[in-house]
Amino acid sequence: MQRAKKIFFAPGRRVAKGELFADDDPILKGREVLFESVDVPESQAPKEPEPEQPKAEEPKSPPKPVRKAAAKKPAG
């Protein structure tokens, strides 16, 4: 495992300090000086992120009518 030594930007993403990557991750190529090797127990190794499933949009309720305040009649 490799851990990022500092924050940096790569095409299409931001890498945070301390973020872990597998030794064969393509983000390491050409950026080896930005990482340090670490030993991570298998139970703590980061898992591959599951692809996000599209969420169904909740039906929108029609907008509520806006009530204008009634004009006050002058006293007298």
C-alpha atoms as a PDB file:
ATOM      1  CA  MET A   1       0.000   0.000   0.000  1.00  0.00           C
ATOM      2  CA  GLN A   2       1.035   3.557  -0.686  1.00  0.00           C
ATOM      3  CA  ARG A   3      -0.051   6.612   1.310  1.00  0.00           C
ATOM      4  CA  ALA A   4      -0.129  10.149  -0.079  1.00  0.00           C
ATOM      5  CA  LYS A   5       2.353  12.403   1.721  1.00  0.00           C
ATOM      6  CA  LYS A   6       0.456  15.603   0.914  1.00  0.00           C
ATOM      7  CA  ILE A   7      -2.584  16.922  -0.940  1.00  0.00           C
ATOM      8  CA  PHE A   8      -2.258  17.104  -4.708  1.00  0.00           C
ATOM      9  CA  PHE A   9      -4.462  17.257  -7.762  1.00  0.00           C
ATOM     10  CA  ALA A  10      -4.458  14.685 -10.534  1.00  0.00           C
ATOM     11  CA  PRO A  11      -6.558  14.856 -13.709  1.00  0.00           C
ATOM     12  CA  GLY A  12     -10.165  14.525 -12.617  1.00  0.00           C
ATOM     13  CA  ARG A  13      -9.559  14.140  -8.894  1.00  0.00           C
ATOM     14  CA  ARG A  14      -8.098  15.497  -5.677  1.00  0.00           C
ATOM     15  CA  VAL A  15      -5.862  13.268  -3.559  1.00  0.00           C
ATOM     16  CA  ALA A  16      -5.920  13.971   0.171  1.00  0.00           C
ATOM     17  CA  LYS A  17      -2.961  13.613   2.500  1.00  0.00           C
ATOM     18  CA  GLY A  18      -3.047  10.132   4.033  1.00  0.00           C
ATOM     19  CA  GLU A  19      -5.225   8.605   1.292  1.00  0.00           C
ATOM     20  CA  LEU A  20      -4.253   4.988   0.605  1.00  0.00           C
ATOM     21  CA  PHE A  21      -3.666   3.365  -2.782  1.00  0.00           C
ATOM     22  CA  ALA A  22      -2.758  -0.122  -3.936  1.00  0.00           C
ATOM     23  CA  ASP A  23       0.818  -0.548  -5.148  1.00  0.00           C
ATOM     24  CA  ASP A  24      -0.411  -1.099  -8.716  1.00  0.00           C
ATOM     25  CA  ASP A  25      -2.768   1.909  -8.830  1.00  0.00           C
ATOM     26  CA  PRO A  26      -2.189   3.975 -11.988  1.00  0.00           C
ATOM     27  CA  ILE A  27      -2.239   7.254 -10.022  1.00  0.00           C
ATOM     28  CA  LEU A  28       1.194   6.350  -8.624  1.00  0.00           C
ATOM     29  CA  LYS A  29       2.871   6.323 -12.036  1.00  0.00           C
ATOM     30  CA  GLY A  30       5.144   9.345 -12.347  1.00  0.00           C
ATOM     31  CA  ARG A  31       4.190  10.568  -8.858  1.00  0.00           C
ATOM     32  CA  GLU A  32       6.192   8.142  -6.741  1.00  0.00           C
ATOM     33  CA  VAL A  33       7.789  10.973  -4.714  1.00  0.00           C
ATOM     34  CA  LEU A  34       4.329  11.998  -3.461  1.00  0.00           C
ATOM     35  CA  PHE A  35       3.764   8.624  -1.753  1.00  0.00           C
ATOM     36  CA  GLU A  36       5.267   6.555   1.026  1.00  0.00           C
ATOM     37  CA  SER A  37       5.013   2.822   1.467  1.00  0.00           C
ATOM     38  CA  VAL A  38       2.957   1.620   4.439  1.00  0.00           C
ATOM     39  CA  ASP A  39       1.950  -1.748   5.853  1.00  0.00           C
ATOM     40  CA  VAL A  40      -1.802  -1.969   6.308  1.00  0.00           C
ATOM     41  CA  PRO A  41      -3.481  -5.007   7.883  1.00  0.00           C
ATOM     42  CA  GLU A  42      -5.827  -6.698   5.403  1.00  0.00           C
ATOM     43  CA  SER A  43      -8.865  -5.845   7.530  1.00  0.00           C
ATOM     44  CA  GLN A  44      -8.088  -2.102   7.282  1.00  0.00           C
ATOM     45  CA  ALA A  45      -7.229  -1.967   3.589  1.00  0.00           C
ATOM     46  CA  PRO A  46      -9.564   0.298   1.643  1.00  0.00           C
ATOM     47  CA  LYS A  47     -12.212  -1.533  -0.333  1.00  0.00           C
ATOM     48  CA  GLU A  48     -13.044  -0.781  -3.932  1.00  0.00           C
ATOM     49  CA  PRO A  49     -15.847   1.777  -3.961  1.00  0.00           C
ATOM     50  CA  GLU A  50     -19.128   0.356  -5.141  1.00  0.00           C
ATOM     51  CA  PRO A  51     -20.578   2.130  -8.145  1.00  0.00           C
ATOM     52  CA  GLU A  52     -23.338   4.480  -7.143  1.00  0.00           C
ATOM     53  CA  GLN A  53     -26.776   3.484  -8.278  1.00  0.00           C
ATOM     54  CA  PRO A  54     -28.927   6.245  -9.673  1.00  0.00           C
ATOM     55  CA  LYS A  55     -31.432   7.438  -7.120  1.00  0.00           C
ATOM     56  CA  ALA A  56     -35.049   7.840  -8.108  1.00  0.00           C
ATOM     57  CA  GLU A  57     -36.157  11.418  -7.779  1.00  0.00           C
ATOM     58  CA  GLU A  58     -38.959  12.045  -5.355  1.00  0.00           C
ATOM     59  CA  PRO A  59     -42.084  13.403  -6.996  1.00  0.00           C
ATOM     60  CA  LYS A  60     -42.220  17.136  -6.532  1.00  0.00           C
ATOM     61  CA  SER A  61     -45.363  18.574  -5.029  1.00  0.00           C
ATOM     62  CA  PRO A  62     -46.845  21.602  -6.779  1.00  0.00           C
ATOM     63  CA  PRO A  63     -45.636  24.897  -5.325  1.00  0.00           C
ATOM     64  CA  LYS A  64     -47.793  26.332  -2.583  1.00  0.00           C
ATOM     65  CA  PRO A  65     -49.562  29.572  -3.499  1.00  0.00           C
ATOM     66  CA  VAL A  66     -48.128  32.629  -1.833  1.00  0.00           C
ATOM     67  CA  ARG A  67     -50.634  34.704   0.128  1.00  0.00           C
ATOM     68  CA  LYS A  68     -50.168  38.411   0.149  1.00  0.00           C
ATOM     69  CA  ALA A  69     -50.861  40.274   3.335  1.00  0.00           C
ATOM     70  CA  ALA A  70     -54.152  42.195   3.281  1.00  0.00           C
ATOM     71  CA  ALA A  71     -53.778  45.961   3.057  1.00  0.00           C
ATOM     72  CA  LYS A  72     -54.539  47.716   6.324  1.00  0.00           C
ATOM     73  CA  LYS A  73     -57.271  50.308   6.313  1.00  0.00           C
ATOM     74  CA  PRO A  74     -56.316  53.677   7.721  1.00  0.00           C
ATOM     75  CA  ALA A  75     -57.652  54.335  11.213  1.00  0.00           C
ATOM     76  CA  GLY A  76     -60.316  56.916  11.616  1.00  0.00           C
END
